[in-house]
Amino acid sequence: MPLLDLDKITAGFPKTWEGFLRDWDRSLRAGNYPETTRYNYLLAAA
């Protein structure tokens, strides 16, 4: 099971903010950031 579940992290968020976090995660993935780092960054932003 993957550590990072954006659906759980962004549950109840406005669609604009959810989209921003998804785009940011895509950018972090493109930069080859590890999943744990992405999880921590997105959780802090949420």
Protein backbone atom coordinates (compact mmCIF):
# COMPACT_ATOMS: atom_id res chain seq x y z
CA MET A 1 0.00 0.00 0.00
CA PRO A 2 1.47 3.35 -0.97
CA LEU A 3 2.20 5.83 1.79
CA LEU A 4 0.89 8.80 -0.15
CA ASP A 5 -2.88 8.84 -0.69
CA LEU A 6 -3.87 12.28 -1.96
CA ASP A 7 -7.56 11.46 -1.71
CA LYS A 8 -7.22 11.06 2.05
CA ILE A 9 -4.95 14.07 2.48
CA THR A 10 -7.24 16.39 0.50
CA ALA A 11 -10.58 15.07 1.79
CA GLY A 12 -12.90 18.01 2.39
CA PHE A 13 -10.64 20.56 0.71
CA PRO A 14 -11.92 23.02 -1.90
CA LYS A 15 -11.34 21.72 -5.44
CA THR A 16 -8.91 24.54 -6.22
CA TRP A 17 -6.66 23.70 -3.26
CA GLU A 18 -6.92 19.98 -4.03
CA GLY A 19 -5.82 20.65 -7.61
CA PHE A 20 -2.91 22.76 -6.40
CA LEU A 21 -1.67 19.95 -4.16
CA ARG A 22 -2.05 17.37 -6.95
CA ASP A 23 -0.07 19.58 -9.33
CA TRP A 24 2.60 20.11 -6.70
CA ASP A 25 2.84 16.35 -6.11
CA ARG A 26 3.23 15.82 -9.85
CA SER A 27 6.06 18.35 -9.85
CA LEU A 28 7.75 16.63 -6.90
CA ARG A 29 7.45 13.25 -8.64
CA ALA A 30 9.06 14.73 -11.75
CA GLY A 31 11.95 15.87 -9.57
CA ASN A 32 12.41 12.28 -8.30
CA TYR A 33 11.61 13.17 -4.70
CA PRO A 34 11.07 10.07 -2.56
CA GLU A 35 7.50 9.20 -1.62
CA THR A 36 8.17 9.89 2.07
CA THR A 37 9.40 13.40 1.29
CA ARG A 38 6.40 14.10 -0.94
CA TYR A 39 4.07 12.80 1.77
CA ASN A 40 5.64 15.04 4.43
CA TYR A 41 5.59 18.13 2.19
CA LEU A 42 1.96 17.63 1.15
CA LEU A 43 0.84 16.80 4.67
CA ALA A 44 2.49 19.99 5.96
CA ALA A 45 0.79 22.05 3.25
CA ALA A 46 -2.57 20.46 4.00
